[in-house]
Protein backbone atom coordinates (compact mmCIF):
# COMPACT_ATOMS: atom_id res chain seq x y z
CA MET A 1 -15.44 -44.49 -24.94
CA LEU A 2 -13.53 -41.24 -24.44
CA ARG A 3 -14.82 -38.09 -26.05
CA THR A 4 -12.65 -35.16 -27.01
CA THR A 5 -13.82 -31.66 -27.77
CA GLU A 6 -12.01 -29.23 -29.98
CA LYS A 7 -12.08 -25.64 -28.77
CA VAL A 8 -13.33 -23.32 -31.49
CA GLU A 9 -11.11 -20.30 -32.01
CA CYS A 10 -12.88 -16.95 -31.83
CA ARG A 11 -12.08 -14.68 -34.76
CA VAL A 12 -12.45 -10.97 -35.39
CA ALA A 13 -12.47 -9.54 -38.92
CA LEU A 14 -10.44 -6.34 -39.32
CA VAL A 15 -12.18 -4.88 -42.35
CA ASP A 16 -10.05 -2.63 -44.57
CA LEU A 17 -8.09 -1.19 -41.64
CA PRO A 18 -4.78 0.60 -42.39
CA SER A 19 -1.87 -1.76 -41.77
CA GLU A 20 -0.63 0.02 -38.65
CA ALA A 21 -4.10 0.07 -37.08
CA ALA A 22 -4.67 -3.59 -38.02
CA GLN A 23 -1.40 -4.63 -36.40
CA MET A 24 -2.32 -2.81 -33.19
CA MET A 25 -5.80 -4.34 -33.07
CA ARG A 26 -4.36 -7.85 -33.60
CA GLN A 27 -2.17 -7.29 -30.56
CA VAL A 28 -5.05 -5.90 -28.50
CA PHE A 29 -7.38 -8.83 -29.24
CA ALA A 30 -4.55 -11.31 -28.66
CA GLN A 31 -4.41 -10.14 -25.02
CA PHE A 32 -7.89 -11.61 -24.63
CA LYS A 33 -7.11 -14.83 -26.53
CA ILE A 34 -9.01 -13.70 -29.62
CA LYS A 35 -7.54 -14.00 -33.11
CA ALA A 36 -7.93 -10.97 -35.38
CA VAL A 37 -7.54 -11.40 -39.15
CA GLU A 38 -7.41 -8.78 -41.88
CA CYS A 39 -9.98 -8.90 -44.66
CA THR A 40 -11.71 -6.64 -47.17
CA ALA A 41 -15.32 -5.54 -47.38
CA GLU A 42 -15.60 -7.44 -50.67
CA SER A 43 -14.61 -10.70 -48.99
CA MET A 44 -17.33 -10.16 -46.39
CA GLN A 45 -20.14 -9.80 -48.98
CA PRO A 46 -21.82 -12.16 -49.11
CA THR A 47 -20.45 -13.49 -45.83
CA ARG A 48 -19.32 -17.07 -46.24
CA GLN A 49 -17.06 -17.32 -43.21
CA LYS A 50 -18.09 -17.29 -39.57
CA TYR A 51 -16.70 -14.42 -37.52
CA ASP A 52 -17.43 -13.58 -33.90
CA ALA A 53 -16.80 -9.85 -34.29
CA CYS A 54 -15.52 -7.28 -36.74
CA VAL A 55 -13.85 -3.87 -36.69
CA VAL A 56 -15.24 -1.55 -39.38
CA GLN A 57 -14.48 2.05 -40.27
CA LEU A 58 -17.76 4.01 -40.23
CA ASP A 59 -17.63 5.63 -43.64
CA ASP A 60 -19.97 5.49 -46.65
CA PRO A 61 -18.72 2.11 -47.96
CA ALA A 62 -19.53 0.57 -44.57
CA GLU A 63 -23.29 1.02 -44.98
CA PRO A 64 -23.94 -1.97 -47.31
CA LEU A 65 -21.45 -4.08 -45.37
CA LEU A 66 -23.23 -3.51 -42.06
CA ALA A 67 -26.60 -4.22 -43.66
CA SER A 68 -25.20 -7.47 -45.06
CA ILE A 69 -23.77 -8.53 -41.70
CA ARG A 70 -26.98 -7.90 -39.77
CA SER A 71 -29.03 -9.84 -42.32
CA SER A 72 -26.60 -12.77 -42.47
CA PRO A 73 -27.86 -15.95 -40.75
CA LEU A 74 -24.22 -16.82 -40.08
CA ASN A 75 -22.97 -13.53 -38.64
CA ARG A 76 -25.95 -11.36 -37.71
CA HIS A 77 -25.14 -11.58 -33.98
CA MET A 78 -21.46 -10.73 -34.32
CA VAL A 79 -20.07 -7.94 -32.15
CA ILE A 80 -19.45 -4.86 -34.30
CA TYR A 81 -16.74 -2.40 -33.33
CA GLY A 82 -17.11 0.82 -35.30
CA VAL A 83 -14.25 3.26 -35.93
CA ASN A 84 -15.75 6.75 -36.02
CA THR A 85 -13.94 8.42 -38.92
CA PRO A 86 -13.72 12.22 -39.33
CA GLY A 87 -16.79 13.72 -40.97
CA SER A 88 -18.89 10.55 -40.67
CA ASP A 89 -22.50 10.78 -39.52
CA PHE A 90 -22.89 8.13 -36.85
CA LYS A 91 -26.68 8.38 -36.81
CA LYS A 92 -27.05 6.63 -40.16
CA PHE A 93 -25.06 3.65 -38.86
CA SER A 94 -26.87 3.34 -35.52
CA ARG A 95 -29.74 1.32 -37.00
CA HIS A 96 -27.29 -1.53 -37.54
CA GLY A 97 -26.66 -1.84 -33.81
CA ILE A 98 -23.00 -0.94 -33.45
CA ASN A 99 -21.85 -2.52 -30.20
CA ALA A 100 -18.90 -0.25 -29.43
CA VAL A 101 -17.29 2.79 -31.03
CA MET A 102 -13.62 3.74 -31.16
CA ASN A 103 -12.43 7.12 -32.37
CA HIS A 104 -10.08 7.70 -35.29
CA PRO A 105 -7.13 7.53 -35.10
CA LEU A 106 -7.14 4.36 -33.04
CA GLU A 107 -5.30 4.55 -29.73
CA ARG A 108 -4.05 1.44 -27.96
CA SER A 109 -5.21 2.39 -24.45
CA ALA A 110 -8.73 3.26 -25.63
CA ALA A 111 -8.94 0.09 -27.74
CA ILE A 112 -7.85 -2.10 -24.81
CA LYS A 113 -10.48 -0.51 -22.58
CA ILE A 114 -13.28 -1.14 -25.08
CA VAL A 115 -12.22 -4.70 -25.91
CA ARG A 116 -11.85 -5.54 -22.22
CA ALA A 117 -15.43 -4.36 -21.63
CA THR A 118 -16.87 -6.45 -24.48
CA HIS A 119 -14.60 -9.45 -24.98
CA LEU A 120 -16.90 -11.84 -23.08
CA LEU A 121 -19.51 -11.38 -25.79
CA VAL A 122 -16.93 -12.15 -28.47
CA LEU A 123 -15.91 -15.28 -26.56
CA HIS A 124 -19.59 -16.31 -26.18
CA GLU A 125 -19.34 -16.40 -22.39
CA TYR A 126 -22.95 -15.30 -22.18
CA ARG A 127 -23.62 -16.51 -18.66
CA ARG A 128 -21.18 -13.87 -17.43
CA TYR A 129 -22.64 -11.07 -19.54
CA ALA A 130 -26.22 -10.03 -18.77
CA ARG A 131 -26.09 -6.73 -20.69
CA ILE A 132 -25.69 -6.14 -24.40
CA PRO A 133 -23.58 -3.16 -25.46
CA VAL A 134 -25.39 -1.65 -28.43
CA ILE A 135 -25.47 1.93 -29.70
CA THR A 136 -28.74 2.79 -31.37
CA GLU A 137 -31.33 5.55 -31.34
CA VAL A 138 -33.73 5.75 -28.39
CA GLY A 139 -36.84 7.93 -28.31
CA ILE A 140 -37.65 9.39 -24.89
CA LEU A 141 -41.07 10.69 -23.84
CA GLN A 142 -41.31 12.45 -20.47
CA SER A 143 -44.16 14.70 -19.30
CA GLY A 144 -45.30 15.21 -22.88
CA ALA A 145 -41.85 16.31 -24.10
CA ARG A 146 -39.89 14.23 -26.57
CA ALA A 147 -36.13 13.81 -26.87
CA ILE A 148 -33.68 11.52 -28.64
CA GLY A 149 -30.91 9.60 -26.94
CA SER A 150 -28.50 6.77 -27.67
CA SER A 151 -28.43 3.40 -25.95
CA VAL A 152 -25.24 2.23 -24.25
CA GLU A 153 -26.18 -1.16 -22.83
CA VAL A 154 -29.48 -3.06 -22.88
CA SER A 155 -30.70 -5.85 -20.61
CA GLY A 156 -34.03 -7.53 -20.03
CA GLY A 157 -34.70 -5.38 -17.00
CA GLY A 158 -33.46 -1.97 -18.04
CA MET A 159 -30.80 -0.07 -19.93
CA SER A 160 -28.26 2.73 -19.82
CA LEU A 161 -28.31 5.58 -22.32
CA THR A 162 -27.11 9.07 -23.09
CA THR A 163 -29.52 11.93 -23.70
CA PRO A 164 -29.36 15.73 -23.79
CA ARG A 165 -32.61 15.90 -21.80
CA LYS A 166 -32.08 16.61 -18.11
CA LEU A 167 -33.75 13.94 -16.00
CA LYS A 168 -33.89 13.22 -12.29
CA ILE A 169 -33.80 9.97 -10.36
CA ALA A 170 -37.32 8.49 -10.06
CA ASP A 171 -38.56 10.33 -13.16
CA THR A 172 -40.98 8.20 -15.19
CA VAL A 173 -40.32 8.00 -18.94
CA GLU A 174 -41.41 5.98 -21.92
CA VAL A 175 -38.58 4.90 -24.17
CA THR A 176 -38.76 3.56 -27.71
CA LEU A 177 -35.88 1.29 -28.64
CA ASN A 178 -34.81 0.73 -32.24
CA LEU A 179 -32.90 -2.51 -31.83
CA PRO A 180 -31.35 -4.43 -34.75
CA GLN A 181 -33.64 -7.03 -36.37
CA SER A 182 -36.59 -5.80 -34.30
CA LYS A 183 -39.58 -3.55 -34.69
CA PRO A 184 -39.49 -0.46 -32.44
CA ILE A 185 -40.25 -1.42 -28.84
CA SER A 186 -41.80 1.11 -26.44
CA VAL A 187 -41.78 0.51 -22.71
CA ARG A 188 -42.31 2.54 -19.54
CA ALA A 189 -39.33 2.96 -17.24
CA VAL A 190 -38.04 4.79 -14.18
CA VAL A 191 -34.72 6.64 -13.95
CA SER A 192 -32.65 4.65 -11.42
CA TRP A 193 -29.22 6.32 -11.61
CA ILE A 194 -27.44 9.26 -13.19
CA ASP A 195 -23.73 9.54 -14.00
CA GLU A 196 -22.66 13.13 -14.50
CA GLY A 197 -19.17 12.17 -15.68
CA PRO A 198 -17.44 13.25 -18.92
CA GLU A 199 -19.87 11.06 -20.89
CA SER A 200 -23.08 11.72 -18.98
CA GLN A 201 -25.29 8.64 -18.80
CA ILE A 202 -28.50 7.62 -17.09
CA GLY A 203 -29.80 4.22 -16.11
CA ILE A 204 -33.45 3.27 -16.35
CA ARG A 205 -35.38 0.28 -14.99
CA PHE A 206 -38.28 -1.05 -17.03
CA GLU A 207 -41.55 -1.03 -15.09
CA ALA A 208 -42.52 -4.53 -13.99
CA ASP A 209 -46.19 -4.10 -14.87
CA ASP A 210 -45.47 -3.12 -18.49
CA GLU A 211 -45.74 -6.34 -20.48
CA ARG A 212 -43.83 -4.77 -23.36
CA ARG A 213 -40.59 -5.22 -21.43
CA ARG A 214 -40.83 -8.91 -22.31
CA GLU A 215 -40.14 -7.96 -25.92
CA VAL A 216 -36.84 -6.41 -24.86
CA LYS A 217 -36.00 -9.50 -22.80
CA LYS A 218 -36.77 -11.72 -25.80
CA TRP A 219 -34.52 -9.60 -28.03
CA VAL A 220 -31.66 -9.97 -25.52
CA GLU A 221 -32.16 -13.74 -25.36
CA ASP A 222 -32.33 -14.02 -29.15
CA TYR A 223 -29.17 -11.92 -29.48
CA LEU A 224 -27.36 -14.19 -27.04
CA GLU A 225 -28.94 -17.24 -28.70
CA ILE A 226 -30.29 -18.43 -25.35
CA VAL A 227 -32.85 -21.22 -25.76
């Protein structure tokens, strides 16, 4: 008996985007074989339809929407693209685990770059994506001094982040991650690389003898729905 499988189409919700921006984002996602559909915040609460990602403007009305998405059994793992609107305070949205941020007004070249870097997650090609792009607050403790940074990508073995604190390769730190749907996780790590480019980033490797790193690995596996 022959079996046939129907390929499920990946969909991105464009939530309350201006028509010109929505048209551009439809074209951008189409390049990666992803269908983008326009919808309103009201139609997403409560979420009754399955989406693989969404594009949301980070303004005050977005707060309850993001909370609803991250608590939804159907869509809590969706990739969230945030549009950083003028005057918005990104910090209050970071607890919802925004995966990527685009600046307002949206520009095609920047949008293509971000979607290219994250589209494998949207397409659920998890075996080819070992790191999770997620922007959330990270506490950093180094030699008794505390600082705050923002995560860029997280994996089971380490992470990349931005921080105003000047660190050197081989510095030992303890980081506290505030990941979506997780209690704060603290783990010791070593600075493994530093990128002094326009958006200065550092990479850290979790110490192998710190059992708490398993909590980060479990969060990554749960996010990717790996069983």
